[in-house]
N, C-alpha and C. Protein backbone atom coordinates (compact mmCIF):
# COMPACT_ATOMS: atom_id res chain seq x y z
N UNK A 1 0.35 15.87 -18.77
CA UNK A 1 1.64 14.82 -17.70
C UNK A 1 1.04 13.56 -17.75
N UNK A 2 1.89 12.55 -17.57
CA UNK A 2 1.25 11.59 -17.68
C UNK A 2 2.07 10.40 -16.29
N UNK A 3 1.24 9.65 -15.96
CA UNK A 3 1.95 8.84 -14.98
C UNK A 3 0.90 7.58 -14.91
N UNK A 4 1.35 6.67 -15.38
CA UNK A 4 0.78 5.28 -15.69
C UNK A 4 0.36 4.05 -14.41
N UNK A 5 -0.76 4.10 -14.45
CA UNK A 5 -1.05 3.45 -13.23
C UNK A 5 -2.19 2.39 -13.82
N UNK A 6 -1.53 0.92 -13.61
CA UNK A 6 -2.12 -0.49 -13.61
C UNK A 6 -2.98 -0.58 -12.48
N UNK A 7 -4.14 -1.71 -12.75
CA UNK A 7 -4.86 -2.32 -11.64
C UNK A 7 -4.63 -3.54 -11.25
N UNK A 8 -4.31 -3.88 -10.21
CA UNK A 8 -4.21 -5.22 -9.53
C UNK A 8 -5.05 -5.89 -8.75
N UNK A 9 -5.58 -7.25 -8.67
CA UNK A 9 -6.48 -7.55 -7.55
C UNK A 9 -5.26 -9.03 -7.02
N UNK A 10 -5.33 -8.61 -5.65
CA UNK A 10 -4.65 -9.26 -5.00
C UNK A 10 -5.72 -10.35 -4.21
N UNK A 11 -5.52 -11.33 -4.73
CA UNK A 11 -6.33 -12.39 -3.80
C UNK A 11 -5.00 -13.28 -2.75
N UNK A 12 -5.34 -13.22 -1.51
CA UNK A 12 -4.61 -14.10 -0.45
C UNK A 12 -5.44 -14.55 0.43
N UNK A 13 -4.71 -15.89 1.19
CA UNK A 13 -5.29 -16.49 2.46
C UNK A 13 -4.29 -17.32 3.12
N UNK A 14 -4.54 -18.20 3.99
CA UNK A 14 -3.34 -19.35 4.46
C UNK A 14 -3.18 -20.13 4.12
N UNK A 15 -2.00 -21.02 4.20
CA UNK A 15 -2.14 -22.55 3.40
C UNK A 15 -2.89 -23.29 4.04
N UNK A 16 -3.64 -22.98 5.29
CA UNK A 16 -4.47 -24.05 5.76
C UNK A 16 -5.92 -24.16 6.20
N UNK A 17 -6.41 -22.78 5.59
CA UNK A 17 -7.72 -22.17 5.36
C UNK A 17 -7.88 -21.71 7.03
N UNK A 18 -7.35 -21.53 7.75
CA UNK A 18 -7.27 -20.90 8.96
C UNK A 18 -7.86 -19.30 8.97
N UNK A 19 -7.92 -18.56 7.93
CA UNK A 19 -8.19 -17.15 7.79
C UNK A 19 -9.24 -17.21 6.32
N UNK A 20 -9.77 -16.21 6.33
CA UNK A 20 -10.55 -15.78 5.52
C UNK A 20 -9.96 -15.38 3.84
N UNK A 21 -10.32 -15.98 2.79
CA UNK A 21 -9.35 -15.27 1.89
C UNK A 21 -9.95 -13.96 1.67
N UNK A 22 -8.77 -13.20 0.93
CA UNK A 22 -8.88 -11.75 1.13
C UNK A 22 -8.76 -11.19 -0.10
N UNK A 23 -9.57 -10.11 -0.86
CA UNK A 23 -9.46 -10.02 -2.22
C UNK A 23 -9.24 -8.15 -2.49
N UNK A 24 -7.98 -7.70 -2.65
CA UNK A 24 -7.75 -6.10 -2.29
C UNK A 24 -7.47 -5.61 -3.75
N UNK A 25 -7.33 -4.89 -3.88
CA UNK A 25 -7.29 -3.90 -5.24
C UNK A 25 -6.23 -2.86 -4.90
N UNK A 26 -5.25 -2.84 -6.08
CA UNK A 26 -4.25 -2.02 -5.35
C UNK A 26 -3.71 -1.37 -6.97
N UNK A 27 -3.46 -0.03 -6.99
CA UNK A 27 -2.73 0.44 -8.02
C UNK A 27 -1.56 0.54 -7.63
N UNK A 28 -0.85 0.18 -9.28
CA UNK A 28 0.69 0.20 -9.06
C UNK A 28 1.52 0.87 -9.71
N UNK A 29 2.44 1.80 -9.70
CA UNK A 29 3.04 2.71 -10.55
C UNK A 29 3.94 2.15 -11.10
N UNK A 30 3.98 1.69 -12.56
CA UNK A 30 4.59 0.68 -13.40
C UNK A 30 6.17 1.19 -13.45
N UNK A 31 6.12 2.74 -13.82
CA UNK A 31 7.45 3.00 -14.37
C UNK A 31 8.42 2.52 -12.47
N UNK A 32 8.05 2.84 -11.57
CA UNK A 32 9.31 2.56 -10.64
C UNK A 32 8.62 1.93 -9.51
N UNK A 33 7.43 0.71 -9.61
CA UNK A 33 6.91 -0.10 -9.14
C UNK A 33 6.70 0.22 -7.90
N UNK A 34 6.43 1.79 -7.55
CA UNK A 34 5.69 2.05 -6.25
C UNK A 34 4.32 2.08 -6.11
N UNK A 35 4.08 1.02 -4.87
CA UNK A 35 2.45 1.11 -4.74
C UNK A 35 2.13 2.38 -4.13
N UNK A 36 0.84 2.67 -4.38
CA UNK A 36 0.21 4.01 -3.48
C UNK A 36 -1.32 3.54 -3.52
N UNK A 37 -1.19 2.62 -2.18
CA UNK A 37 -2.69 2.33 -1.76
C UNK A 37 -3.34 3.50 -0.54
N UNK A 38 -4.50 3.99 -1.01
CA UNK A 38 -4.99 5.07 -0.40
C UNK A 38 -6.50 4.31 0.00
N UNK A 39 -6.61 4.36 1.49
CA UNK A 39 -8.32 4.63 1.98
C UNK A 39 -8.94 5.71 1.48
N UNK A 40 -9.54 5.57 0.28
CA UNK A 40 -10.13 6.80 -0.48
C UNK A 40 -11.66 6.63 0.45
N UNK A 41 -11.83 5.67 1.12
CA UNK A 41 -13.26 6.12 1.83
C UNK A 41 -13.12 6.82 2.80
N UNK A 42 -11.86 7.32 3.44
CA UNK A 42 -11.81 8.07 4.57
C UNK A 42 -11.00 9.35 4.32
N UNK A 43 -10.94 9.80 3.28
CA UNK A 43 -10.86 11.11 2.72
C UNK A 43 -11.94 12.04 2.98
N UNK A 44 -11.18 13.40 3.25
CA UNK A 44 -12.84 14.48 3.55
C UNK A 44 -13.08 14.45 2.21
N UNK A 45 -14.77 14.29 2.30
CA UNK A 45 -15.32 14.81 1.28
C UNK A 45 -15.67 13.53 0.26
N UNK A 46 -14.82 12.27 0.62
CA UNK A 46 -14.81 11.24 -0.31
C UNK A 46 -16.23 10.14 -0.11
N UNK A 47 -16.48 9.37 -0.35
CA UNK A 47 -17.52 8.46 -0.54
C UNK A 47 -17.16 7.48 0.51
N UNK A 48 -17.51 7.55 1.77
CA UNK A 48 -17.07 6.59 2.87
C UNK A 48 -17.17 5.25 2.50
N UNK A 49 -18.36 4.80 1.64
CA UNK A 49 -18.41 3.26 1.32
C UNK A 49 -17.63 2.80 0.40
N UNK A 50 -16.68 3.26 -0.14
CA UNK A 50 -15.71 3.13 -1.12
C UNK A 50 -14.68 2.10 -0.07
N UNK A 51 -14.31 0.56 -0.98
CA UNK A 51 -13.70 -0.44 -0.20
C UNK A 51 -12.49 -0.31 -1.24
N UNK A 52 -11.43 -0.95 -0.30
CA UNK A 52 -10.35 -1.44 -0.99
C UNK A 52 -10.15 -2.67 -0.86
N UNK A 53 -10.79 -3.58 -0.16
CA UNK A 53 -10.74 -4.90 0.19
C UNK A 53 -11.90 -5.65 1.08
N UNK A 54 -11.90 -7.06 0.51
CA UNK A 54 -13.26 -7.81 1.51
C UNK A 54 -12.52 -9.20 1.35
N UNK A 55 -13.59 -9.51 2.17
CA UNK A 55 -12.99 -11.32 2.53
C UNK A 55 -14.28 -12.36 2.61
N UNK A 56 -13.73 -13.48 2.09
CA UNK A 56 -14.44 -14.27 1.73
C UNK A 56 -14.13 -15.62 2.94
N UNK A 57 -15.34 -16.00 3.60
CA UNK A 57 -14.84 -16.92 4.48
C UNK A 57 -14.88 -18.13 3.96
N UNK A 58 -14.35 -18.92 4.58
CA UNK A 58 -14.26 -20.62 3.87
C UNK A 58 -15.35 -21.25 4.04
N UNK A 59 -16.26 -21.24 4.44
CA UNK A 59 -17.49 -21.91 5.30
C UNK A 59 -18.63 -21.55 4.32
N UNK A 60 -18.56 -20.52 3.37
CA UNK A 60 -19.60 -20.28 2.58
C UNK A 60 -20.08 -21.37 1.54
N UNK A 61 -21.04 -20.83 0.75
CA UNK A 61 -21.29 -22.37 -0.42
C UNK A 61 -20.63 -21.65 -1.70
N UNK A 62 -20.74 -22.37 -2.84
CA UNK A 62 -20.01 -22.12 -4.13
C UNK A 62 -21.03 -21.09 -4.26
N UNK A 63 -22.39 -21.27 -4.23
CA UNK A 63 -22.75 -19.87 -5.15
C UNK A 63 -22.55 -18.69 -4.06
N UNK A 64 -22.07 -18.81 -2.86
CA UNK A 64 -22.05 -17.51 -2.18
C UNK A 64 -20.52 -16.92 -2.40
N UNK A 65 -19.71 -17.67 -3.25
CA UNK A 65 -18.21 -17.46 -3.31
C UNK A 65 -18.40 -17.04 -4.56
N UNK A 66 -18.99 -17.42 -5.25
CA UNK A 66 -19.25 -16.58 -6.93
C UNK A 66 -19.68 -15.23 -6.72
N UNK A 67 -20.90 -14.91 -5.87
CA UNK A 67 -20.98 -14.03 -5.62
C UNK A 67 -20.13 -13.07 -4.85
N UNK A 68 -19.30 -13.68 -4.04
CA UNK A 68 -18.29 -12.68 -3.32
C UNK A 68 -17.23 -12.32 -4.72
N UNK A 69 -16.83 -13.39 -5.50
CA UNK A 69 -16.18 -13.00 -6.63
C UNK A 69 -16.56 -11.59 -7.77
N UNK A 70 -17.66 -11.83 -7.69
CA UNK A 70 -18.34 -10.58 -8.52
C UNK A 70 -18.50 -9.39 -7.69
N UNK A 71 -18.49 -9.76 -6.53
CA UNK A 71 -18.36 -8.17 -5.39
C UNK A 71 -17.20 -7.38 -5.80
N UNK A 72 -16.14 -8.37 -5.97
CA UNK A 72 -14.40 -8.32 -5.60
C UNK A 72 -14.49 -7.46 -7.16
N UNK A 73 -14.76 -7.99 -7.87
CA UNK A 73 -14.72 -7.08 -9.62
C UNK A 73 -15.23 -6.12 -9.78
N UNK A 74 -16.23 -5.82 -8.70
CA UNK A 74 -17.31 -4.45 -8.99
C UNK A 74 -16.34 -3.63 -7.77
N UNK A 75 -15.89 -4.21 -7.15
CA UNK A 75 -15.07 -3.31 -5.88
C UNK A 75 -14.00 -2.46 -7.01
N UNK A 76 -13.15 -3.45 -7.38
CA UNK A 76 -11.77 -2.93 -8.19
C UNK A 76 -12.16 -1.85 -9.14
N UNK A 77 -13.57 -2.01 -9.95
CA UNK A 77 -13.91 -0.36 -10.81
C UNK A 77 -14.13 -0.11 -9.85
N UNK A 78 -15.16 0.03 -8.62
CA UNK A 78 -15.50 1.69 -7.69
C UNK A 78 -14.04 2.22 -7.31
N UNK A 79 -13.80 1.14 -6.64
CA UNK A 79 -12.12 1.76 -6.00
C UNK A 79 -11.05 2.40 -7.16
N UNK A 80 -11.22 2.23 -8.19
CA UNK A 80 -10.14 2.37 -9.17
C UNK A 80 -10.52 3.87 -9.84
N UNK A 81 -12.42 3.82 -9.85
CA UNK A 81 -12.79 5.14 -10.41
C UNK A 81 -12.40 6.22 -9.50
N UNK A 82 -12.72 6.30 -8.04
CA UNK A 82 -12.29 7.06 -7.13
C UNK A 82 -10.86 7.31 -7.06
N UNK A 83 -10.04 6.13 -7.25
CA UNK A 83 -8.52 6.61 -7.55
C UNK A 83 -8.02 7.29 -8.34
N UNK A 84 -8.52 6.95 -9.69
CA UNK A 84 -8.58 8.20 -10.64
C UNK A 84 -8.55 9.37 -10.51
N UNK A 85 -10.16 9.61 -9.88
CA UNK A 85 -10.63 10.99 -9.42
C UNK A 85 -9.90 11.75 -8.73
N UNK A 86 -9.38 11.05 -7.67
CA UNK A 86 -8.35 11.58 -6.86
C UNK A 86 -7.15 11.97 -7.46
N UNK A 87 -6.29 10.90 -8.15
CA UNK A 87 -5.02 11.51 -9.17
C UNK A 87 -5.60 12.32 -9.85
N UNK A 88 -6.60 12.48 -10.78
CA UNK A 88 -6.61 13.68 -11.75
C UNK A 88 -6.54 14.92 -11.03
N UNK A 89 -7.47 15.29 -9.66
CA UNK A 89 -7.34 16.23 -9.21
C UNK A 89 -5.78 16.62 -8.60
N UNK A 90 -5.22 15.78 -8.16
CA UNK A 90 -3.80 16.28 -7.73
C UNK A 90 -3.08 16.46 -8.67
N UNK A 91 -2.93 15.96 -9.76
CA UNK A 91 -2.29 16.20 -11.21
C UNK A 91 -2.55 17.49 -11.50
N UNK A 92 -3.90 17.96 -11.62
CA UNK A 92 -4.53 19.87 -11.71
C UNK A 92 -3.65 20.79 -11.02
N UNK A 93 -3.24 20.20 -9.67
CA UNK A 93 -2.80 21.40 -8.43
C UNK A 93 -1.39 21.28 -8.41
N UNK A 94 -1.23 22.62 -9.11
CA UNK A 94 0.23 23.13 -9.00
C UNK A 94 1.19 22.96 -7.52
N UNK A 95 2.35 22.55 -7.48
CA UNK A 95 2.87 22.65 -6.38
C UNK A 95 4.65 23.44 -6.60
N UNK A 96 4.29 23.65 -5.78
CA UNK A 96 6.01 25.12 -5.94
C UNK A 96 6.75 24.13 -5.17
N UNK A 97 8.48 24.63 -5.00
CA UNK A 97 9.37 24.42 -4.46
C UNK A 97 9.10 24.33 -2.90
N UNK A 98 8.82 25.61 -2.66
CA UNK A 98 8.56 26.04 -1.59
C UNK A 98 7.39 25.29 -0.61
N UNK A 99 6.37 25.17 -1.31
CA UNK A 99 5.16 24.42 -0.89
C UNK A 99 5.87 22.75 -0.64
N UNK A 100 6.35 22.05 -1.38
CA UNK A 100 7.01 20.77 -1.18
C UNK A 100 8.08 20.94 -0.08
N UNK A 101 8.67 21.59 0.30
CA UNK A 101 9.50 22.26 1.51
C UNK A 101 8.83 22.09 2.87
N UNK A 102 7.59 22.75 2.51
CA UNK A 102 6.99 23.11 4.01
C UNK A 102 5.87 21.64 3.80
N UNK A 103 5.85 20.83 2.94
CA UNK A 103 5.05 19.41 3.00
C UNK A 103 6.27 18.40 3.63
N UNK A 104 7.37 18.33 3.38
CA UNK A 104 8.46 17.94 4.00
C UNK A 104 8.62 18.30 5.64
N UNK A 105 8.43 19.47 5.31
CA UNK A 105 8.64 19.79 7.44
C UNK A 105 7.67 19.43 8.34
N UNK A 106 6.22 19.40 7.58
CA UNK A 106 4.96 19.11 8.19
C UNK A 106 5.14 17.55 8.31
N UNK A 107 5.36 16.91 7.20
CA UNK A 107 5.45 15.49 7.28
C UNK A 107 6.34 14.93 8.88
N UNK A 108 7.41 15.68 8.52
CA UNK A 108 8.64 15.31 9.26
C UNK A 108 9.22 16.73 9.97
N UNK A 109 8.62 17.02 11.00
CA UNK A 109 9.31 18.17 11.45
C UNK A 109 11.12 17.83 12.06
N UNK A 110 11.63 19.08 11.90
CA UNK A 110 13.00 19.21 12.29
C UNK A 110 13.28 18.74 13.88
N UNK A 111 14.00 17.62 14.23
CA UNK A 111 14.50 17.50 15.50
C UNK A 111 14.67 18.83 16.64
N UNK A 112 14.03 18.86 17.42
CA UNK A 112 14.30 20.00 18.52
C UNK A 112 15.86 20.06 19.28
N UNK A 113 16.36 18.28 19.18
CA UNK A 113 17.94 18.71 20.04
C UNK A 113 18.41 17.23 18.95
N UNK A 114 19.49 17.41 19.00
CA UNK A 114 20.48 16.55 18.16
C UNK A 114 20.90 15.32 18.49
N UNK A 115 19.98 14.90 19.46
CA UNK A 115 20.49 13.54 19.66
C UNK A 115 20.99 12.25 18.98
N UNK A 116 21.86 11.57 18.98
CA UNK A 116 22.03 10.49 18.21
C UNK A 116 22.17 11.16 16.85
N UNK A 117 22.69 11.92 16.58
CA UNK A 117 22.62 12.52 15.04
C UNK A 117 21.64 12.79 14.63
N UNK A 118 20.35 13.04 15.30
CA UNK A 118 19.01 13.24 14.85
C UNK A 118 19.04 13.93 13.64
N UNK A 119 19.81 15.25 13.85
CA UNK A 119 19.77 16.21 12.78
C UNK A 119 20.31 15.79 11.36
N UNK A 120 21.31 15.37 11.37
CA UNK A 120 22.16 14.58 10.25
C UNK A 120 21.08 14.06 9.46
N UNK A 121 20.61 12.61 10.44
CA UNK A 121 19.52 12.08 9.84
C UNK A 121 18.42 12.45 9.19
N UNK A 122 17.49 13.88 9.76
CA UNK A 122 16.69 14.71 9.33
C UNK A 122 16.84 15.12 7.99
N UNK A 123 18.03 15.78 7.92
CA UNK A 123 18.54 16.46 6.58
C UNK A 123 18.98 15.39 5.42
N UNK A 124 19.40 14.19 5.66
CA UNK A 124 19.50 13.10 4.82
C UNK A 124 18.02 12.64 4.42
N UNK A 125 16.98 12.61 5.09
CA UNK A 125 15.84 12.55 4.66
C UNK A 125 15.44 13.75 3.62
N UNK A 126 15.54 14.60 4.29
CA UNK A 126 14.81 15.92 3.33
C UNK A 126 15.74 15.92 2.08
N UNK A 127 16.96 15.43 2.09
CA UNK A 127 17.88 15.73 0.82
C UNK A 127 16.97 14.48 -0.31
N UNK A 128 16.70 13.44 0.32
CA UNK A 128 16.44 12.35 -0.11
C UNK A 128 15.36 12.60 -0.89
N UNK A 129 14.40 13.17 -0.23
CA UNK A 129 13.03 13.21 -0.46
C UNK A 129 13.16 14.40 -2.07
N UNK A 130 13.91 15.18 -1.73
CA UNK A 130 13.73 16.32 -2.76
C UNK A 130 14.24 15.56 -3.99
N UNK A 131 15.36 14.55 -3.92
CA UNK A 131 15.87 13.91 -4.94
C UNK A 131 14.90 13.27 -5.63
N UNK A 132 14.37 12.55 -4.61
CA UNK A 132 12.94 11.78 -5.59
C UNK A 132 12.16 12.61 -6.35
N UNK A 133 11.71 13.56 -5.80
CA UNK A 133 10.81 14.86 -6.05
C UNK A 133 11.33 15.49 -7.80
N UNK A 134 12.25 15.54 -7.81
CA UNK A 134 12.88 15.95 -8.88
C UNK A 134 13.69 15.14 -9.93
N UNK A 135 13.71 13.41 -9.24
CA UNK A 135 14.36 12.56 -10.08
C UNK A 135 13.66 11.99 -11.40
N UNK A 136 14.31 11.18 -11.97
CA UNK A 136 13.73 10.73 -13.43
C UNK A 136 12.58 10.04 -13.04
N UNK A 137 12.17 9.38 -12.10
CA UNK A 137 10.72 8.69 -12.25
C UNK A 137 9.95 9.44 -11.48
N UNK A 138 9.85 10.93 -11.39
CA UNK A 138 9.40 11.76 -10.96
C UNK A 138 8.72 12.77 -11.85
N UNK A 139 9.81 12.92 -12.98
CA UNK A 139 9.86 13.98 -13.73
C UNK A 139 8.73 14.25 -14.24
N UNK A 140 8.17 13.96 -14.55
CA UNK A 140 6.95 13.83 -15.70
C UNK A 140 5.38 14.43 -14.58
N UNK A 141 5.36 14.16 -13.15
CA UNK A 141 4.33 14.70 -12.52
C UNK A 141 5.23 15.84 -11.42
N UNK A 142 6.23 15.89 -11.23
CA UNK A 142 7.18 16.99 -10.16
C UNK A 142 6.32 18.22 -10.61
N UNK A 143 5.85 19.02 -9.80
CA UNK A 143 5.38 20.10 -9.69
C UNK A 143 3.89 20.53 -9.70
N UNK A 144 3.24 19.03 -9.01
CA UNK A 144 1.94 18.94 -8.79
C UNK A 144 1.66 17.91 -7.29
N UNK A 145 0.63 18.38 -7.19
CA UNK A 145 0.44 17.44 -5.90
C UNK A 145 0.48 15.97 -5.99
N UNK A 146 0.35 15.46 -7.09
CA UNK A 146 0.41 14.14 -7.22
C UNK A 146 1.91 13.73 -7.16
N UNK A 147 2.36 14.49 -7.78
CA UNK A 147 3.91 14.33 -7.74
C UNK A 147 4.45 14.49 -6.58
N UNK A 148 4.33 15.11 -5.78
CA UNK A 148 4.55 15.52 -4.38
C UNK A 148 4.20 14.26 -3.52
N UNK A 149 2.84 13.92 -3.56
CA UNK A 149 2.78 12.61 -2.89
C UNK A 149 3.47 11.25 -3.45
N UNK A 150 3.62 10.91 -4.57
CA UNK A 150 4.34 9.88 -4.97
C UNK A 150 6.04 9.93 -4.43
N UNK A 151 6.08 11.09 -4.28
CA UNK A 151 7.54 11.28 -3.82
C UNK A 151 8.06 11.20 -2.46
N UNK A 152 6.92 11.33 -1.71
CA UNK A 152 6.72 11.07 -0.06
C UNK A 152 6.40 9.68 0.12
N UNK A 153 5.75 9.22 -0.75
CA UNK A 153 5.56 7.55 -0.68
C UNK A 153 6.53 6.26 -1.60
N UNK A 154 7.28 7.32 -2.37
CA UNK A 154 8.50 6.60 -2.73
C UNK A 154 9.50 6.09 -1.59
N UNK A 155 9.74 7.53 -1.30
CA UNK A 155 10.88 6.95 0.10
C UNK A 155 10.71 5.88 0.97
N UNK A 156 9.19 5.75 1.10
CA UNK A 156 8.59 4.99 2.23
C UNK A 156 8.96 3.34 1.73
N UNK A 157 8.48 3.54 0.28
CA UNK A 157 8.43 1.69 -0.33
C UNK A 157 9.78 1.34 -0.42
N UNK A 158 10.75 2.46 -0.92
CA UNK A 158 12.14 1.75 -1.37
C UNK A 158 13.17 2.37 -1.03
N UNK A 159 13.19 3.03 0.12
CA UNK A 159 14.53 3.98 0.87
C UNK A 159 14.77 3.58 2.13
N UNK A 160 13.76 2.84 2.64
CA UNK A 160 13.31 2.69 4.31
C UNK A 160 14.83 1.61 4.45
N UNK A 161 15.03 1.26 5.51
CA UNK A 161 16.30 -0.12 5.95
C UNK A 161 15.26 -0.64 7.14
N UNK A 162 15.79 -1.67 6.85
CA UNK A 162 15.06 -2.68 8.32
C UNK A 162 15.94 -2.90 9.14
N UNK A 163 15.08 -2.85 10.26
CA UNK A 163 16.01 -2.86 11.44
C UNK A 163 16.73 -4.02 11.67
N UNK A 164 17.94 -3.96 12.19
CA UNK A 164 18.56 -5.07 12.84
C UNK A 164 19.04 -5.98 11.27
N UNK A 165 19.10 -5.34 10.31
CA UNK A 165 19.39 -5.69 8.98
C UNK A 165 18.54 -6.62 8.21
N UNK A 166 17.08 -6.72 8.98
CA UNK A 166 16.24 -7.60 8.54
C UNK A 166 15.26 -6.24 7.43
N UNK A 167 15.27 -6.98 6.30
CA UNK A 167 14.42 -6.41 5.15
C UNK A 167 13.09 -7.12 4.94
N UNK A 168 12.58 -7.83 5.96
CA UNK A 168 11.18 -8.62 5.62
C UNK A 168 10.17 -7.63 6.04
N UNK A 169 10.38 -6.74 6.67
CA UNK A 169 9.33 -5.47 6.75
C UNK A 169 9.08 -4.57 6.07
N UNK A 170 10.59 -3.96 5.36
CA UNK A 170 10.62 -3.09 4.30
C UNK A 170 9.65 -3.86 3.24
N UNK A 171 10.20 -5.04 2.52
CA UNK A 171 9.21 -5.85 1.71
C UNK A 171 8.08 -5.74 1.87
N UNK A 172 7.20 -6.51 3.09
CA UNK A 172 6.05 -6.19 3.27
C UNK A 172 5.78 -4.82 3.16
N UNK A 173 5.90 -3.60 3.87
CA UNK A 173 5.61 -2.31 3.65
C UNK A 173 5.45 -2.22 2.10
N UNK A 174 6.33 -2.47 1.58
CA UNK A 174 6.52 -2.13 -0.15
C UNK A 174 5.36 -2.68 -1.02
N UNK A 175 4.71 -3.85 -0.42
CA UNK A 175 4.05 -4.93 -0.92
C UNK A 175 2.59 -3.97 -1.08
N UNK A 176 2.17 -2.89 -0.40
CA UNK A 176 0.92 -2.40 -0.42
C UNK A 176 -0.08 -2.59 0.54
N UNK A 177 0.30 -3.75 1.34
CA UNK A 177 -0.74 -4.30 2.40
C UNK A 177 -0.51 -4.18 3.66
N UNK A 178 0.38 -3.83 4.21
CA UNK A 178 0.62 -3.52 5.28
C UNK A 178 -0.19 -2.23 5.79
N UNK A 179 -0.63 -2.52 7.31
CA UNK A 179 -1.31 -1.44 7.55
C UNK A 179 -0.89 -0.25 8.01
N UNK A 180 0.31 -0.27 8.86
CA UNK A 180 0.89 0.64 9.42
C UNK A 180 1.39 1.63 8.37
N UNK A 181 2.02 0.73 7.33
CA UNK A 181 2.61 1.99 5.87
C UNK A 181 1.47 2.60 5.34
N UNK A 182 0.44 1.73 5.14
CA UNK A 182 -0.78 2.63 4.53
C UNK A 182 -1.18 3.80 5.24
N UNK A 183 -1.49 3.48 6.60
CA UNK A 183 -1.98 4.52 7.80
C UNK A 183 -1.09 5.71 7.33
N UNK A 184 0.11 5.62 7.19
CA UNK A 184 1.47 6.66 7.55
C UNK A 184 1.25 6.88 5.85
N UNK A 185 1.03 6.41 4.74
CA UNK A 185 0.56 7.20 3.26
C UNK A 185 -0.16 8.12 3.58
N UNK A 186 -1.55 7.82 4.32
CA UNK A 186 -3.09 8.27 4.32
C UNK A 186 -2.47 9.34 4.85
N UNK A 187 -1.91 9.39 6.08
CA UNK A 187 -1.28 10.62 6.69
C UNK A 187 -0.45 11.51 5.66
N UNK A 188 0.17 11.01 4.89
CA UNK A 188 1.04 11.82 4.00
C UNK A 188 0.20 12.50 3.19
N UNK A 189 -1.06 12.00 2.60
CA UNK A 189 -1.75 12.48 1.75
C UNK A 189 -2.30 13.52 2.07
N UNK A 190 -3.13 13.57 3.82
CA UNK A 190 -3.57 14.86 4.08
C UNK A 190 -2.47 15.84 4.46
N UNK A 191 -1.22 15.55 4.81
CA UNK A 191 -0.65 16.65 4.44
C UNK A 191 -0.24 17.45 2.98
N UNK A 192 -0.03 16.52 2.39
CA UNK A 192 0.10 17.49 0.82
C UNK A 192 -1.33 18.31 0.97
N UNK A 193 -2.49 17.83 0.76
CA UNK A 193 -3.92 18.63 0.63
C UNK A 193 -4.13 19.72 1.50
N UNK A 194 -3.36 19.53 2.62
CA UNK A 194 -2.84 20.89 4.09
C UNK A 194 -2.39 21.87 3.35
N UNK A 195 -1.16 21.46 2.51
CA UNK A 195 -0.27 22.46 2.04
C UNK A 195 -1.23 23.15 0.75
N UNK A 196 -1.41 22.27 -0.15
CA UNK A 196 -2.28 22.67 -1.50
C UNK A 196 -3.52 23.39 -0.87
N UNK A 197 -4.11 23.04 -0.10
CA UNK A 197 -5.44 24.15 0.30
C UNK A 197 -5.16 25.37 1.33
N UNK A 198 -3.68 25.63 1.68
CA UNK A 198 -3.41 26.68 2.48
C UNK A 198 -3.28 27.81 1.57
């Protein structure tokens, strides 16, 4: 099975220098541009010292900034090594269709009441997730825990609609650096792990 992942180092700051320069490492699935940022340091049994980003204060000396840049490059290697370990483990874990349905049900429980068409919305979400999981962008990894996780996160990145017609929040979430979206992706990772371990 193959799932091409590239490494990117994103550096960002404000235009007026009012916030620190931040460097962050992100893996991006090239096939569908699905970002899959995970807080690998918080995973069970993982090294809690693995960091995805760090900040450089504008008040540091030039030599301090050079050292910080070196740290960023080292950070990229350590993060991607840990990311690769997780991906390889998940690719080796088989997931049946029944297990994938269980993941969906754990991640998104069926509404108890059908208020404002809640059941139809839930069923549409389930149908979309099943389509993504078996679809053309996931075909080489479907049937694995990695494929299940990618299907769940792809829906978040590319199949959500912005509130009141605004897509800015959706685009920010798909960038891979929205803390709320990343927290949700980490929750989905735990759901996948829970079902696979059961």
